[in-house]
Structures are given as structure tokens and as C-alpha cells.
């Protein structure tokens, strides 16, 4: 049965981050060491921007209230950064039309993740849109670098097997990573507040605040 929660979980930290590691391994085994460093740098920088945007709101209430923006959606950034790059690598030796279709499919998957984050009420439309834009910058930059580099030679069956195993194991057995809780703790420590700013009032949470909800475990 179709479920927006199942769709959104595909881009959770514990499920899709291993794919980023597979891309790194793919580049490394293909002797594209410089590209592997570029990929790690771009992806890490993107996730750092996500974390900083969340910390600034939780700790100091810095955001854009008119558009209900309190921070980039980490799910959307990850999906938009990873999926197009992975599909480009898989199809890099295919005809240009097929390769372009693969990349567009990756961006389409990220659009679906962005919609799901709004539907499950985890993010506002602006947070999902901006997350998609940030992730698209990362993936487009990486694809540009890959496009101007000779096709990376490696046994596709090995990468496919590793990717399938990681996705299957992470989706079935991985528990949600409490990244949102960690970010909240860091924000409170840095700001010196004992309560976070919350979206509902754009003010500090009530004194009865007792921590993040169990559903708010991942960024």
C-alpha cells in the first residue's frame, strides 16, 4: 500500500547515507581519488549547512517567518544530492539520452521526497524547496565534475551488490538516528538557553518543555 511515511523514510539518515558511502567507494576503487574527495567535501558541506540552519533557529530563533522557514530539510538535501549522482555513475557509459533520463529520474525521486516531507508535516514547503535547491547544487556540481572525467572503470556487479545489501539491511534493521535531539542539545548549549525556539510560536518553548518528540529523531 502506498504510504508517504514509507516514501519519506527512504531518505532518512540511516537508510540513504550508506549510499553516499557507496559512491565514495565507487570513486575510490575506480582510482578517481580526487573525485572521491570532492564528493565527500560537497556532501559534508551540504549537511553542515543543514545542521547550522537548524541550530540557528533552535538556539536563537533565526529563520524566515513569512515563509515558515526554520531550516533546510535534511531528508530532501540528502535525496537530491545522492540520487542523481548515483544514477549518473550507473549510466555513465550509456547513450547520452539514457544517461540524462537517469539523472532526471534521480531529481524526480528527490521531488517525491520533498513532497513527502510536507505531507507528513515534518517540514514546510519552503524548507523542502530550499532543501531540494541545496541538494541540487551539490549533485549538479558533482555531475559536472564527473562529466569532464573519463568514465570510471569498475565492476558494476560488485557495486550493485554492495548497494543492494546496504539498502536492504539499513531499511529493514536500522533504527532512527536521534540527530534532531543531538542538534537541539548543541543549540541549547551554544545559545545558553534551557529551552529551544519552536515553530508554533517562533518563541522559546514553554517551561514545561521536556525534549523533542520521539518522531523528531532525524533531520
C-alpha atoms as a PDB file:
ATOM      1  CA  UNK A   1       0.000   0.000   0.000  1.00  0.00           C
ATOM      2  CA  UNK A   2       1.245   3.493  -0.884  1.00  0.00           C
ATOM      3  CA  UNK A   3       2.478   5.366   2.181  1.00  0.00           C
ATOM      4  CA  UNK A   4       4.052   8.820   2.334  1.00  0.00           C
ATOM      5  CA  UNK A   5       5.809   7.775   5.533  1.00  0.00           C
ATOM      6  CA  UNK A   6       7.431   4.855   3.695  1.00  0.00           C
ATOM      7  CA  UNK A   7       8.491   7.208   0.899  1.00  0.00           C
ATOM      8  CA  UNK A   8       9.989   9.760   3.286  1.00  0.00           C
ATOM      9  CA  UNK A   9      11.857   7.026   5.171  1.00  0.00           C
ATOM     10  CA  UNK A  10      13.821   6.230   2.014  1.00  0.00           C
ATOM     11  CA  UNK A  11      15.785   9.444   2.590  1.00  0.00           C
ATOM     12  CA  UNK A  12      16.301   9.022   6.317  1.00  0.00           C
ATOM     13  CA  UNK A  13      19.848   9.333   7.616  1.00  0.00           C
ATOM     14  CA  UNK A  14      20.212   5.643   8.414  1.00  0.00           C
ATOM     15  CA  UNK A  15      18.894   4.489   5.024  1.00  0.00           C
ATOM     16  CA  UNK A  16      20.342   6.782   2.360  1.00  0.00           C
ATOM     17  CA  UNK A  17      23.638   7.867   3.928  1.00  0.00           C
ATOM     18  CA  UNK A  18      25.182   4.426   3.230  1.00  0.00           C
ATOM     19  CA  UNK A  19      24.516   5.164  -0.456  1.00  0.00           C
ATOM     20  CA  UNK A  20      26.780   8.212  -0.173  1.00  0.00           C
ATOM     21  CA  UNK A  21      29.455   5.892   1.183  1.00  0.00           C
ATOM     22  CA  UNK A  22      28.925   3.520  -1.762  1.00  0.00           C
ATOM     23  CA  UNK A  23      29.501   6.434  -4.154  1.00  0.00           C
ATOM     24  CA  UNK A  24      32.724   7.254  -2.309  1.00  0.00           C
ATOM     25  CA  UNK A  25      33.841   3.626  -2.519  1.00  0.00           C
ATOM     26  CA  UNK A  26      32.917   3.501  -6.213  1.00  0.00           C
ATOM     27  CA  UNK A  27      35.108   6.517  -6.957  1.00  0.00           C
ATOM     28  CA  UNK A  28      37.930   5.245  -4.786  1.00  0.00           C
ATOM     29  CA  UNK A  29      38.010   1.762  -6.299  1.00  0.00           C
ATOM     30  CA  UNK A  30      37.861   3.375  -9.737  1.00  0.00           C
ATOM     31  CA  UNK A  31      41.062   5.279  -8.880  1.00  0.00           C
ATOM     32  CA  UNK A  32      39.197   8.592  -9.027  1.00  0.00           C
ATOM     33  CA  UNK A  33      40.660   9.659  -5.714  1.00  0.00           C
ATOM     34  CA  UNK A  34      40.354  13.373  -6.363  1.00  0.00           C
ATOM     35  CA  UNK A  35      36.677  12.991  -7.248  1.00  0.00           C
ATOM     36  CA  UNK A  36      36.058  10.989  -4.076  1.00  0.00           C
ATOM     37  CA  UNK A  37      37.462  13.874  -2.053  1.00  0.00           C
ATOM     38  CA  UNK A  38      35.309  16.333  -3.986  1.00  0.00           C
ATOM     39  CA  UNK A  39      32.229  14.211  -3.334  1.00  0.00           C
ATOM     40  CA  UNK A  40      32.892  13.884   0.388  1.00  0.00           C
ATOM     41  CA  UNK A  41      33.601  17.608   0.629  1.00  0.00           C
ATOM     42  CA  UNK A  42      30.445  18.664  -1.222  1.00  0.00           C
ATOM     43  CA  UNK A  43      28.180  16.256   0.634  1.00  0.00           C
ATOM     44  CA  UNK A  44      29.657  17.099   4.029  1.00  0.00           C
ATOM     45  CA  UNK A  45      29.388  20.835   3.338  1.00  0.00           C
ATOM     46  CA  UNK A  46      25.758  20.454   2.357  1.00  0.00           C
ATOM     47  CA  UNK A  47      24.860  18.561   5.515  1.00  0.00           C
ATOM     48  CA  UNK A  48      26.802  21.100   7.586  1.00  0.00           C
ATOM     49  CA  UNK A  49      24.621  23.867   6.129  1.00  0.00           C
ATOM     50  CA  UNK A  50      21.540  21.857   7.131  1.00  0.00           C
ATOM     51  CA  UNK A  51      22.797  21.468  10.693  1.00  0.00           C
ATOM     52  CA  UNK A  52      23.781  25.136  11.054  1.00  0.00           C
ATOM     53  CA  UNK A  53      20.396  26.308   9.752  1.00  0.00           C
ATOM     54  CA  UNK A  54      18.638  24.161  12.353  1.00  0.00           C
ATOM     55  CA  UNK A  55      20.930  25.190  15.196  1.00  0.00           C
ATOM     56  CA  UNK A  56      20.423  28.893  14.498  1.00  0.00           C
ATOM     57  CA  UNK A  57      16.655  28.531  14.702  1.00  0.00           C
ATOM     58  CA  UNK A  58      16.515  26.181  17.683  1.00  0.00           C
ATOM     59  CA  UNK A  59      19.046  28.211  19.639  1.00  0.00           C
ATOM     60  CA  UNK A  60      18.231  31.783  18.625  1.00  0.00           C
ATOM     61  CA  UNK A  61      15.000  31.716  16.632  1.00  0.00           C
ATOM     62  CA  UNK A  62      16.729  32.788  13.415  1.00  0.00           C
ATOM     63  CA  UNK A  63      14.653  31.895  10.380  1.00  0.00           C
ATOM     64  CA  UNK A  64      12.246  33.401   7.858  1.00  0.00           C
ATOM     65  CA  UNK A  65       8.843  33.577   9.476  1.00  0.00           C
ATOM     66  CA  UNK A  66       6.984  34.882   6.418  1.00  0.00           C
ATOM     67  CA  UNK A  67       7.815  31.649   4.588  1.00  0.00           C
ATOM     68  CA  UNK A  68       7.768  29.397   7.677  1.00  0.00           C
ATOM     69  CA  UNK A  69      11.444  28.557   7.150  1.00  0.00           C
ATOM     70  CA  UNK A  70      13.280  27.173  10.180  1.00  0.00           C
ATOM     71  CA  UNK A  71      15.998  25.200   8.405  1.00  0.00           C
ATOM     72  CA  UNK A  72      16.781  23.085   5.355  1.00  0.00           C
ATOM     73  CA  UNK A  73      15.192  19.638   5.171  1.00  0.00           C
ATOM     74  CA  UNK A  74      17.981  17.131   5.669  1.00  0.00           C
ATOM     75  CA  UNK A  75      15.961  14.350   4.035  1.00  0.00           C
ATOM     76  CA  UNK A  76      15.491  16.393   0.866  1.00  0.00           C
ATOM     77  CA  UNK A  77      19.109  17.577   0.731  1.00  0.00           C
ATOM     78  CA  UNK A  78      20.369  14.008   1.046  1.00  0.00           C
ATOM     79  CA  UNK A  79      17.978  12.660  -1.603  1.00  0.00           C
ATOM     80  CA  UNK A  80      18.726  15.429  -4.109  1.00  0.00           C
ATOM     81  CA  UNK A  81      22.471  15.247  -3.559  1.00  0.00           C
ATOM     82  CA  UNK A  82      22.799  11.463  -3.700  1.00  0.00           C
ATOM     83  CA  UNK A  83      20.218  10.025  -6.116  1.00  0.00           C
ATOM     84  CA  UNK A  84      21.218  11.929  -9.309  1.00  0.00           C
ATOM     85  CA  UNK A  85      24.924  11.278  -8.729  1.00  0.00           C
ATOM     86  CA  UNK A  86      24.361   7.572  -8.141  1.00  0.00           C
ATOM     87  CA  UNK A  87      22.230   7.208 -11.270  1.00  0.00           C
ATOM     88  CA  UNK A  88      24.776   9.183 -13.307  1.00  0.00           C
ATOM     89  CA  UNK A  89      27.525   6.803 -12.220  1.00  0.00           C
ATOM     90  CA  UNK A  90      25.396   3.777 -13.059  1.00  0.00           C
ATOM     91  CA  UNK A  91      24.584   5.119 -16.542  1.00  0.00           C
ATOM     92  CA  UNK A  92      27.842   6.923 -17.347  1.00  0.00           C
ATOM     93  CA  UNK A  93      28.682   4.557 -20.225  1.00  0.00           C
ATOM     94  CA  UNK A  94      25.162   4.599 -21.663  1.00  0.00           C
ATOM     95  CA  UNK A  95      23.933   6.783 -24.510  1.00  0.00           C
ATOM     96  CA  UNK A  96      23.570  10.475 -23.579  1.00  0.00           C
ATOM     97  CA  UNK A  97      19.768  10.307 -23.777  1.00  0.00           C
ATOM     98  CA  UNK A  98      19.597   7.376 -21.387  1.00  0.00           C
ATOM     99  CA  UNK A  99      22.130   8.987 -19.062  1.00  0.00           C
ATOM    100  CA  UNK A 100      20.143  12.228 -18.975  1.00  0.00           C
ATOM    101  CA  UNK A 101      16.957  10.268 -18.284  1.00  0.00           C
ATOM    102  CA  UNK A 102      18.667   8.549 -15.364  1.00  0.00           C
ATOM    103  CA  UNK A 103      19.726  11.882 -13.851  1.00  0.00           C
ATOM    104  CA  UNK A 104      16.243  13.349 -14.316  1.00  0.00           C
ATOM    105  CA  UNK A 105      14.836  10.267 -12.570  1.00  0.00           C
ATOM    106  CA  UNK A 106      17.141  10.975  -9.641  1.00  0.00           C
ATOM    107  CA  UNK A 107      15.886  14.522  -9.369  1.00  0.00           C
ATOM    108  CA  UNK A 108      12.305  13.268  -9.712  1.00  0.00           C
ATOM    109  CA  UNK A 109      12.861  10.909  -6.786  1.00  0.00           C
ATOM    110  CA  UNK A 110      14.101  13.878  -4.753  1.00  0.00           C
ATOM    111  CA  UNK A 111      10.953  15.845  -5.659  1.00  0.00           C
ATOM    112  CA  UNK A 112       8.894  12.935  -4.310  1.00  0.00           C
ATOM    113  CA  UNK A 113      10.875  13.031  -1.058  1.00  0.00           C
ATOM    114  CA  UNK A 114      10.330  16.796  -0.831  1.00  0.00           C
ATOM    115  CA  UNK A 115       6.574  16.353  -1.243  1.00  0.00           C
ATOM    116  CA  UNK A 116       6.528  13.585   1.354  1.00  0.00           C
ATOM    117  CA  UNK A 117       8.220  15.797   3.962  1.00  0.00           C
ATOM    118  CA  UNK A 118       5.430  18.322   3.581  1.00  0.00           C
ATOM    119  CA  UNK A 119       2.673  15.705   3.562  1.00  0.00           C
ATOM    120  CA  UNK A 120       3.877  14.062   6.790  1.00  0.00           C
ATOM    121  CA  UNK A 121       4.149  17.572   8.297  1.00  0.00           C
ATOM    122  CA  UNK A 122       7.853  17.267   9.033  1.00  0.00           C
ATOM    123  CA  UNK A 123       8.692  20.427   7.060  1.00  0.00           C
ATOM    124  CA  UNK A 124       7.066  23.450   5.499  1.00  0.00           C
ATOM    125  CA  UNK A 125       7.016  23.827   1.690  1.00  0.00           C
ATOM    126  CA  UNK A 126       9.800  26.424   1.833  1.00  0.00           C
ATOM    127  CA  UNK A 127      12.062  24.113   3.829  1.00  0.00           C
ATOM    128  CA  UNK A 128      11.543  21.265   1.366  1.00  0.00           C
ATOM    129  CA  UNK A 129      12.042  23.510  -1.677  1.00  0.00           C
ATOM    130  CA  UNK A 130      15.209  25.065  -0.300  1.00  0.00           C
ATOM    131  CA  UNK A 131      16.474  21.614   0.659  1.00  0.00           C
ATOM    132  CA  UNK A 132      15.919  20.484  -2.926  1.00  0.00           C
ATOM    133  CA  UNK A 133      17.798  23.523  -4.258  1.00  0.00           C
ATOM    134  CA  UNK A 134      20.751  22.943  -1.925  1.00  0.00           C
ATOM    135  CA  UNK A 135      20.920  19.247  -2.779  1.00  0.00           C
ATOM    136  CA  UNK A 136      20.636  20.043  -6.498  1.00  0.00           C
ATOM    137  CA  UNK A 137      23.622  22.381  -6.285  1.00  0.00           C
ATOM    138  CA  UNK A 138      25.688  19.582  -4.724  1.00  0.00           C
ATOM    139  CA  UNK A 139      24.671  16.920  -7.248  1.00  0.00           C
ATOM    140  CA  UNK A 140      24.901  19.227 -10.276  1.00  0.00           C
ATOM    141  CA  UNK A 141      28.404  20.284  -9.237  1.00  0.00           C
ATOM    142  CA  UNK A 142      29.455  16.647  -8.811  1.00  0.00           C
ATOM    143  CA  UNK A 143      27.883  15.550 -12.093  1.00  0.00           C
ATOM    144  CA  UNK A 144      29.701  18.390 -13.858  1.00  0.00           C
ATOM    145  CA  UNK A 145      33.000  17.092 -12.485  1.00  0.00           C
ATOM    146  CA  UNK A 146      32.144  13.520 -13.472  1.00  0.00           C
ATOM    147  CA  UNK A 147      31.094  14.596 -16.949  1.00  0.00           C
ATOM    148  CA  UNK A 148      34.523  16.116 -17.568  1.00  0.00           C
ATOM    149  CA  UNK A 149      36.331  12.995 -16.357  1.00  0.00           C
ATOM    150  CA  UNK A 150      36.806   9.700 -18.226  1.00  0.00           C
ATOM    151  CA  UNK A 151      34.227   7.063 -17.297  1.00  0.00           C
ATOM    152  CA  UNK A 152      35.228   5.324 -14.095  1.00  0.00           C
ATOM    153  CA  UNK A 153      36.029   1.688 -14.813  1.00  0.00           C
ATOM    154  CA  UNK A 154      34.881  -0.726 -12.143  1.00  0.00           C
ATOM    155  CA  UNK A 155      32.875  -3.925 -11.929  1.00  0.00           C
ATOM    156  CA  UNK A 156      29.287  -2.755 -11.772  1.00  0.00           C
ATOM    157  CA  UNK A 157      28.033  -6.021 -10.318  1.00  0.00           C
ATOM    158  CA  UNK A 158      30.206  -5.519  -7.236  1.00  0.00           C
ATOM    159  CA  UNK A 159      28.889  -2.016  -6.582  1.00  0.00           C
ATOM    160  CA  UNK A 160      25.311  -3.103  -7.334  1.00  0.00           C
ATOM    161  CA  UNK A 161      25.557  -5.991  -4.889  1.00  0.00           C
ATOM    162  CA  UNK A 162      27.062  -3.804  -2.176  1.00  0.00           C
ATOM    163  CA  UNK A 163      24.447  -1.104  -2.744  1.00  0.00           C
ATOM    164  CA  UNK A 164      21.560  -3.581  -2.666  1.00  0.00           C
ATOM    165  CA  UNK A 165      22.812  -5.172   0.556  1.00  0.00           C
ATOM    166  CA  UNK A 166      23.325  -1.833   2.287  1.00  0.00           C
ATOM    167  CA  UNK A 167      19.913  -0.522   1.275  1.00  0.00           C
ATOM    168  CA  UNK A 168      18.139  -3.716   2.296  1.00  0.00           C
ATOM    169  CA  UNK A 169      19.876  -4.022   5.650  1.00  0.00           C
ATOM    170  CA  UNK A 170      19.581  -0.343   6.551  1.00  0.00           C
ATOM    171  CA  UNK A 171      15.910  -0.134   5.606  1.00  0.00           C
ATOM    172  CA  UNK A 172      14.918  -3.309   7.466  1.00  0.00           C
ATOM    173  CA  UNK A 173      17.074  -3.124  10.562  1.00  0.00           C
ATOM    174  CA  UNK A 174      18.450   0.362  11.090  1.00  0.00           C
ATOM    175  CA  UNK A 175      16.891   2.327  13.913  1.00  0.00           C
ATOM    176  CA  UNK A 176      16.224   6.054  13.533  1.00  0.00           C
ATOM    177  CA  UNK A 177      19.268   8.137  14.375  1.00  0.00           C
ATOM    178  CA  UNK A 178      18.460  10.794  17.022  1.00  0.00           C
ATOM    179  CA  UNK A 179      20.127  13.559  15.023  1.00  0.00           C
ATOM    180  CA  UNK A 180      17.394  16.097  15.811  1.00  0.00           C
ATOM    181  CA  UNK A 181      17.886  15.519  19.526  1.00  0.00           C
ATOM    182  CA  UNK A 182      21.646  15.954  19.180  1.00  0.00           C
ATOM    183  CA  UNK A 183      21.200  19.170  17.211  1.00  0.00           C
ATOM    184  CA  UNK A 184      18.807  20.503  19.848  1.00  0.00           C
ATOM    185  CA  UNK A 185      21.293  19.734  22.609  1.00  0.00           C
ATOM    186  CA  UNK A 186      24.097  21.501  20.734  1.00  0.00           C
ATOM    187  CA  UNK A 187      21.873  24.513  20.003  1.00  0.00           C
ATOM    188  CA  UNK A 188      20.864  24.857  23.648  1.00  0.00           C
ATOM    189  CA  UNK A 189      24.476  24.547  24.781  1.00  0.00           C
ATOM    190  CA  UNK A 190      25.698  27.198  22.361  1.00  0.00           C
ATOM    191  CA  UNK A 191      22.826  29.613  22.993  1.00  0.00           C
ATOM    192  CA  UNK A 192      22.781  29.144  26.751  1.00  0.00           C
ATOM    193  CA  UNK A 193      19.016  28.569  26.762  1.00  0.00           C
ATOM    194  CA  UNK A 194      17.313  25.767  28.625  1.00  0.00           C
ATOM    195  CA  UNK A 195      14.511  25.568  26.040  1.00  0.00           C
ATOM    196  CA  UNK A 196      14.546  25.687  22.231  1.00  0.00           C
ATOM    197  CA  UNK A 197      12.714  28.034  19.908  1.00  0.00           C
ATOM    198  CA  UNK A 198       9.731  26.273  18.340  1.00  0.00           C
ATOM    199  CA  UNK A 199       7.889  26.766  15.068  1.00  0.00           C
ATOM    200  CA  UNK A 200       4.391  27.159  16.579  1.00  0.00           C
ATOM    201  CA  UNK A 201       5.126  30.465  18.319  1.00  0.00           C
ATOM    202  CA  UNK A 202       8.590  31.343  16.963  1.00  0.00           C
ATOM    203  CA  UNK A 203       9.486  31.868  20.601  1.00  0.00           C
ATOM    204  CA  UNK A 204      11.121  29.803  23.310  1.00  0.00           C
ATOM    205  CA  UNK A 205       9.216  26.632  24.148  1.00  0.00           C
ATOM    206  CA  UNK A 206       7.031  26.673  27.292  1.00  0.00           C
ATOM    207  CA  UNK A 207       8.712  25.948  30.591  1.00  0.00           C
ATOM    208  CA  UNK A 208       7.007  22.545  30.557  1.00  0.00           C
ATOM    209  CA  UNK A 209       9.159  21.530  27.579  1.00  0.00           C
ATOM    210  CA  UNK A 210      10.759  18.127  28.165  1.00  0.00           C
ATOM    211  CA  UNK A 211      12.680  17.463  24.973  1.00  0.00           C
ATOM    212  CA  UNK A 212      11.983  16.543  21.368  1.00  0.00           C
ATOM    213  CA  UNK A 213       9.193  14.175  20.457  1.00  0.00           C
ATOM    214  CA  UNK A 214      10.073  10.564  19.585  1.00  0.00           C
ATOM    215  CA  UNK A 215       9.002  11.253  15.996  1.00  0.00           C
ATOM    216  CA  UNK A 216      11.534  14.072  15.702  1.00  0.00           C
ATOM    217  CA  UNK A 217      14.546  11.770  15.715  1.00  0.00           C
ATOM    218  CA  UNK A 218      16.088  12.552  12.345  1.00  0.00           C
ATOM    219  CA  UNK A 219      16.826  15.744  10.456  1.00  0.00           C
END
